[in-house]
Amino acid sequence: MKAKGRCPICGRPPQPAQLPFCSRRCANEDLGRWLTGAYRIAGEERAPGDAPPVEPGIEDE
């Protein structure tokens, strides 16, 4: 199996055992970015406990 692309952290070729990263260090760097909030998914902020919006036409089962 040939690895495609580049490590998203440093740009080196990825290693099969660490895909899509080149090393454990880069994989841990990426995890740290998620845990500290450096990566975010766009969306509306809600207060804790607010129910998510309900899509029209979807009923509770």
PDB file of N, CA and C in Angstrom:
ATOM      1  N   MET A   1       0.844  -1.175   0.000  1.00  0.00           N
ATOM      2  CA  MET A   1       0.000   0.000   0.000  1.00  0.00           C
ATOM      3  C   MET A   1       0.891   1.242   0.000  1.00  0.00           C
ATOM      4  N   LYS A   2       0.731   2.058  -0.996  1.00  0.00           N
ATOM      5  CA  LYS A   2       1.538   3.262  -1.114  1.00  0.00           C
ATOM      6  C   LYS A   2       0.808   4.441  -0.469  1.00  0.00           C
ATOM      7  N   ALA A   3       1.513   5.156   0.384  1.00  0.00           N
ATOM      8  CA  ALA A   3       0.926   6.328   1.040  1.00  0.00           C
ATOM      9  C   ALA A   3       0.842   7.478   0.045  1.00  0.00           C
ATOM     10  N   LYS A   4      -0.260   8.194   0.049  1.00  0.00           N
ATOM     11  CA  LYS A   4      -0.457   9.336  -0.842  1.00  0.00           C
ATOM     12  C   LYS A   4      -0.477  10.610  -0.028  1.00  0.00           C
ATOM     13  N   GLY A   5      -0.154  11.716  -0.667  1.00  0.00           N
ATOM     14  CA  GLY A   5      -0.236  12.996   0.001  1.00  0.00           C
ATOM     15  C   GLY A   5       0.964  13.254   0.891  1.00  0.00           C
ATOM     16  N   ARG A   6       0.808  14.233   1.735  1.00  0.00           N
ATOM     17  CA  ARG A   6       1.869  14.653   2.643  1.00  0.00           C
ATOM     18  C   ARG A   6       1.313  14.781   4.053  1.00  0.00           C
ATOM     19  N   CYS A   7       2.201  14.729   5.026  1.00  0.00           N
ATOM     20  CA  CYS A   7       1.816  14.920   6.422  1.00  0.00           C
ATOM     21  C   CYS A   7       1.200  16.313   6.557  1.00  0.00           C
ATOM     22  N   PRO A   8       0.008  16.418   7.138  1.00  0.00           N
ATOM     23  CA  PRO A   8      -0.636  17.724   7.256  1.00  0.00           C
ATOM     24  C   PRO A   8       0.056  18.669   8.239  1.00  0.00           C
ATOM     25  N   ILE A   9       0.962  18.159   9.056  1.00  0.00           N
ATOM     26  CA  ILE A   9       1.661  19.002  10.028  1.00  0.00           C
ATOM     27  C   ILE A   9       2.972  19.539   9.461  1.00  0.00           C
ATOM     28  N   CYS A  10       3.823  18.656   8.916  1.00  0.00           N
ATOM     29  CA  CYS A  10       5.154  19.098   8.484  1.00  0.00           C
ATOM     30  C   CYS A  10       5.402  18.980   6.981  1.00  0.00           C
ATOM     31  N   GLY A  11       4.532  18.258   6.260  1.00  0.00           N
ATOM     32  CA  GLY A  11       4.687  18.151   4.820  1.00  0.00           C
ATOM     33  C   GLY A  11       5.555  17.002   4.329  1.00  0.00           C
ATOM     34  N   ARG A  12       6.112  16.204   5.234  1.00  0.00           N
ATOM     35  CA  ARG A  12       6.907  15.044   4.826  1.00  0.00           C
ATOM     36  C   ARG A  12       5.994  13.929   4.336  1.00  0.00           C
ATOM     37  N   PRO A  13       6.551  12.934   3.634  1.00  0.00           N
ATOM     38  CA  PRO A  13       5.733  11.787   3.215  1.00  0.00           C
ATOM     39  C   PRO A  13       5.217  11.031   4.442  1.00  0.00           C
ATOM     40  N   PRO A  14       3.959  10.610   4.429  1.00  0.00           N
ATOM     41  CA  PRO A  14       3.404   9.879   5.580  1.00  0.00           C
ATOM     42  C   PRO A  14       3.961   8.466   5.674  1.00  0.00           C
ATOM     43  N   GLN A  15       3.944   7.918   6.882  1.00  0.00           N
ATOM     44  CA  GLN A  15       4.359   6.538   7.128  1.00  0.00           C
ATOM     45  C   GLN A  15       3.110   5.688   7.324  1.00  0.00           C
ATOM     46  N   PRO A  16       3.064   4.491   6.762  1.00  0.00           N
ATOM     47  CA  PRO A  16       1.861   3.651   6.854  1.00  0.00           C
ATOM     48  C   PRO A  16       1.336   3.459   8.276  1.00  0.00           C
ATOM     49  N   ALA A  17       2.210   3.328   9.251  1.00  0.00           N
ATOM     50  CA  ALA A  17       1.771   3.098  10.630  1.00  0.00           C
ATOM     51  C   ALA A  17       1.160   4.348  11.262  1.00  0.00           C
ATOM     52  N   GLN A  18       1.382   5.523  10.678  1.00  0.00           N
ATOM     53  CA  GLN A  18       0.920   6.775  11.284  1.00  0.00           C
ATOM     54  C   GLN A  18       0.004   7.573  10.355  1.00  0.00           C
ATOM     55  N   LEU A  19      -0.500   6.976   9.300  1.00  0.00           N
ATOM     56  CA  LEU A  19      -1.316   7.720   8.323  1.00  0.00           C
ATOM     57  C   LEU A  19      -2.353   8.590   8.988  1.00  0.00           C
ATOM     58  N   PRO A  20      -2.568   9.790   8.559  1.00  0.00           N
ATOM     59  CA  PRO A  20      -1.928  10.475   7.430  1.00  0.00           C
ATOM     60  C   PRO A  20      -0.653  11.217   7.821  1.00  0.00           C
ATOM     61  N   PHE A  21      -0.114  10.932   8.986  1.00  0.00           N
ATOM     62  CA  PHE A  21       1.058  11.649   9.492  1.00  0.00           C
ATOM     63  C   PHE A  21       2.349  10.905   9.177  1.00  0.00           C
ATOM     64  N   CYS A  22       3.478  11.605   9.339  1.00  0.00           N
ATOM     65  CA  CYS A  22       4.789  10.993   9.080  1.00  0.00           C
ATOM     66  C   CYS A  22       5.376  10.369  10.341  1.00  0.00           C
ATOM     67  N   SER A  23       4.873  10.765  11.509  1.00  0.00           N
ATOM     68  CA  SER A  23       5.456  10.275  12.759  1.00  0.00           C
ATOM     69  C   SER A  23       4.454  10.412  13.896  1.00  0.00           C
ATOM     70  N   ARG A  24       4.765   9.775  14.994  1.00  0.00           N
ATOM     71  CA  ARG A  24       3.938   9.879  16.196  1.00  0.00           C
ATOM     72  C   ARG A  24       3.941  11.337  16.693  1.00  0.00           C
ATOM     73  N   ARG A  25       5.090  12.019  16.543  1.00  0.00           N
ATOM     74  CA  ARG A  25       5.193  13.407  16.984  1.00  0.00           C
ATOM     75  C   ARG A  25       4.173  14.287  16.250  1.00  0.00           C
ATOM     76  N   CYS A  26       4.077  14.133  14.940  1.00  0.00           N
ATOM     77  CA  CYS A  26       3.121  14.939  14.175  1.00  0.00           C
ATOM     78  C   CYS A  26       1.680  14.553  14.521  1.00  0.00           C
ATOM     79  N   ALA A  27       1.416  13.269  14.739  1.00  0.00           N
ATOM     80  CA  ALA A  27       0.079  12.840  15.140  1.00  0.00           C
ATOM     81  C   ALA A  27      -0.292  13.465  16.485  1.00  0.00           C
ATOM     82  N   ASN A  28       0.663  13.490  17.419  1.00  0.00           N
ATOM     83  CA  ASN A  28       0.396  14.100  18.729  1.00  0.00           C
ATOM     84  C   ASN A  28       0.231  15.611  18.624  1.00  0.00           C
ATOM     85  N   GLU A  29       0.974  16.252  17.737  1.00  0.00           N
ATOM     86  CA  GLU A  29       0.829  17.694  17.509  1.00  0.00           C
ATOM     87  C   GLU A  29      -0.588  18.003  17.019  1.00  0.00           C
ATOM     88  N   ASP A  30      -1.087  17.195  16.091  1.00  0.00           N
ATOM     89  CA  ASP A  30      -2.434  17.383  15.569  1.00  0.00           C
ATOM     90  C   ASP A  30      -3.479  17.188  16.675  1.00  0.00           C
ATOM     91  N   LEU A  31      -3.323  16.146  17.480  1.00  0.00           N
ATOM     92  CA  LEU A  31      -4.247  15.898  18.586  1.00  0.00           C
ATOM     93  C   LEU A  31      -4.228  17.075  19.557  1.00  0.00           C
ATOM     94  N   GLY A  32      -3.054  17.584  19.867  1.00  0.00           N
ATOM     95  CA  GLY A  32      -2.943  18.731  20.761  1.00  0.00           C
ATOM     96  C   GLY A  32      -3.668  19.953  20.222  1.00  0.00           C
ATOM     97  N   ARG A  33      -3.617  20.144  18.918  1.00  0.00           N
ATOM     98  CA  ARG A  33      -4.327  21.282  18.313  1.00  0.00           C
ATOM     99  C   ARG A  33      -5.836  21.134  18.489  1.00  0.00           C
ATOM    100  N   TRP A  34      -6.348  19.914  18.336  1.00  0.00           N
ATOM    101  CA  TRP A  34      -7.784  19.691  18.558  1.00  0.00           C
ATOM    102  C   TRP A  34      -8.147  19.927  20.026  1.00  0.00           C
ATOM    103  N   LEU A  35      -7.327  19.414  20.925  1.00  0.00           N
ATOM    104  CA  LEU A  35      -7.642  19.512  22.354  1.00  0.00           C
ATOM    105  C   LEU A  35      -7.567  20.934  22.891  1.00  0.00           C
ATOM    106  N   THR A  36      -6.715  21.767  22.309  1.00  0.00           N
ATOM    107  CA  THR A  36      -6.600  23.154  22.775  1.00  0.00           C
ATOM    108  C   THR A  36      -7.552  24.096  22.062  1.00  0.00           C
ATOM    109  N   GLY A  37      -8.300  23.591  21.082  1.00  0.00           N
ATOM    110  CA  GLY A  37      -9.260  24.429  20.375  1.00  0.00           C
ATOM    111  C   GLY A  37      -8.675  25.184  19.197  1.00  0.00           C
ATOM    112  N   ALA A  38      -7.450  24.843  18.779  1.00  0.00           N
ATOM    113  CA  ALA A  38      -6.851  25.507  17.621  1.00  0.00           C
ATOM    114  C   ALA A  38      -7.626  25.176  16.343  1.00  0.00           C
ATOM    115  N   TYR A  39      -8.181  23.980  16.270  1.00  0.00           N
ATOM    116  CA  TYR A  39      -9.044  23.589  15.156  1.00  0.00           C
ATOM    117  C   TYR A  39     -10.476  23.753  15.633  1.00  0.00           C
ATOM    118  N   ARG A  40     -11.304  24.318  14.790  1.00  0.00           N
ATOM    119  CA  ARG A  40     -12.712  24.504  15.151  1.00  0.00           C
ATOM    120  C   ARG A  40     -13.593  24.187  13.961  1.00  0.00           C
ATOM    121  N   ILE A  41     -14.767  23.714  14.245  1.00  0.00           N
ATOM    122  CA  ILE A  41     -15.768  23.469  13.220  1.00  0.00           C
ATOM    123  C   ILE A  41     -16.761  24.611  13.297  1.00  0.00           C
ATOM    124  N   ALA A  42     -16.993  25.265  12.163  1.00  0.00           N
ATOM    125  CA  ALA A  42     -17.883  26.424  12.130  1.00  0.00           C
ATOM    126  C   ALA A  42     -19.311  26.023  12.490  1.00  0.00           C
ATOM    127  N   GLY A  43     -19.994  26.895  13.190  1.00  0.00           N
ATOM    128  CA  GLY A  43     -21.378  26.666  13.560  1.00  0.00           C
ATOM    129  C   GLY A  43     -21.811  27.694  14.585  1.00  0.00           C
ATOM    130  N   GLU A  44     -23.089  27.700  14.870  1.00  0.00           N
ATOM    131  CA  GLU A  44     -23.614  28.632  15.865  1.00  0.00           C
ATOM    132  C   GLU A  44     -23.244  28.169  17.267  1.00  0.00           C
ATOM    133  N   GLU A  45     -22.861  29.118  18.107  1.00  0.00           N
ATOM    134  CA  GLU A  45     -22.572  28.775  19.498  1.00  0.00           C
ATOM    135  C   GLU A  45     -23.876  28.612  20.250  1.00  0.00           C
ATOM    136  N   ARG A  46     -23.913  27.608  21.127  1.00  0.00           N
ATOM    137  CA  ARG A  46     -25.086  27.381  21.967  1.00  0.00           C
ATOM    138  C   ARG A  46     -24.622  27.306  23.404  1.00  0.00           C
ATOM    139  N   ALA A  47     -25.491  27.688  24.285  1.00  0.00           N
ATOM    140  CA  ALA A  47     -25.197  27.565  25.714  1.00  0.00           C
ATOM    141  C   ALA A  47     -25.281  26.090  26.095  1.00  0.00           C
ATOM    142  N   PRO A  48     -24.469  25.654  27.054  1.00  0.00           N
ATOM    143  CA  PRO A  48     -24.570  24.261  27.499  1.00  0.00           C
ATOM    144  C   PRO A  48     -26.001  23.953  27.945  1.00  0.00           C
ATOM    145  N   GLY A  49     -26.515  22.831  27.509  1.00  0.00           N
ATOM    146  CA  GLY A  49     -27.867  22.438  27.883  1.00  0.00           C
ATOM    147  C   GLY A  49     -28.916  22.821  26.854  1.00  0.00           C
ATOM    148  N   ASP A  50     -28.580  23.722  25.916  1.00  0.00           N
ATOM    149  CA  ASP A  50     -29.533  24.062  24.855  1.00  0.00           C
ATOM    150  C   ASP A  50     -29.714  22.853  23.952  1.00  0.00           C
ATOM    151  N   ALA A  51     -30.935  22.598  23.572  1.00  0.00           N
ATOM    152  CA  ALA A  51     -31.220  21.485  22.674  1.00  0.00           C
ATOM    153  C   ALA A  51     -30.805  21.866  21.259  1.00  0.00           C
ATOM    154  N   PRO A  52     -30.304  20.908  20.494  1.00  0.00           N
ATOM    155  CA  PRO A  52     -29.961  21.210  19.090  1.00  0.00           C
ATOM    156  C   PRO A  52     -31.223  21.531  18.306  1.00  0.00           C
ATOM    157  N   PRO A  53     -31.120  22.323  17.233  1.00  0.00           N
ATOM    158  CA  PRO A  53     -32.299  22.647  16.444  1.00  0.00           C
ATOM    159  C   PRO A  53     -32.906  21.395  15.804  1.00  0.00           C
ATOM    160  N   VAL A  54     -34.209  21.383  15.697  1.00  0.00           N
ATOM    161  CA  VAL A  54     -34.940  20.254  15.119  1.00  0.00           C
ATOM    162  C   VAL A  54     -35.229  20.564  13.657  1.00  0.00           C
ATOM    163  N   GLU A  55     -34.925  19.606  12.783  1.00  0.00           N
ATOM    164  CA  GLU A  55     -35.190  19.797  11.365  1.00  0.00           C
ATOM    165  C   GLU A  55     -36.672  19.569  11.088  1.00  0.00           C
ATOM    166  N   PRO A  56     -37.273  20.406  10.262  1.00  0.00           N
ATOM    167  CA  PRO A  56     -38.692  20.213   9.930  1.00  0.00           C
ATOM    168  C   PRO A  56     -38.917  18.846   9.277  1.00  0.00           C
ATOM    169  N   GLY A  57     -39.983  18.193   9.654  1.00  0.00           N
ATOM    170  CA  GLY A  57     -40.337  16.905   9.083  1.00  0.00           C
ATOM    171  C   GLY A  57     -39.747  15.711   9.809  1.00  0.00           C
ATOM    172  N   ILE A  58     -38.908  15.957  10.779  1.00  0.00           N
ATOM    173  CA  ILE A  58     -38.351  14.848  11.561  1.00  0.00           C
ATOM    174  C   ILE A  58     -39.089  14.786  12.889  1.00  0.00           C
ATOM    175  N   GLU A  59     -39.708  13.646  13.149  1.00  0.00           N
ATOM    176  CA  GLU A  59     -40.473  13.487  14.369  1.00  0.00           C
ATOM    177  C   GLU A  59     -39.736  12.573  15.342  1.00  0.00           C
ATOM    178  N   ASP A  60     -39.983  12.783  16.625  1.00  0.00           N
ATOM    179  CA  ASP A  60     -39.390  11.902  17.636  1.00  0.00           C
ATOM    180  C   ASP A  60     -39.976  10.513  17.493  1.00  0.00           C
ATOM    181  N   GLU A  61     -39.154   9.516  17.695  1.00  0.00           N
ATOM    182  CA  GLU A  61     -39.631   8.133  17.590  1.00  0.00           C
ATOM    183  C   GLU A  61     -39.977   7.594  18.946  1.00  0.00           C
TER     184      GLU A  61
END
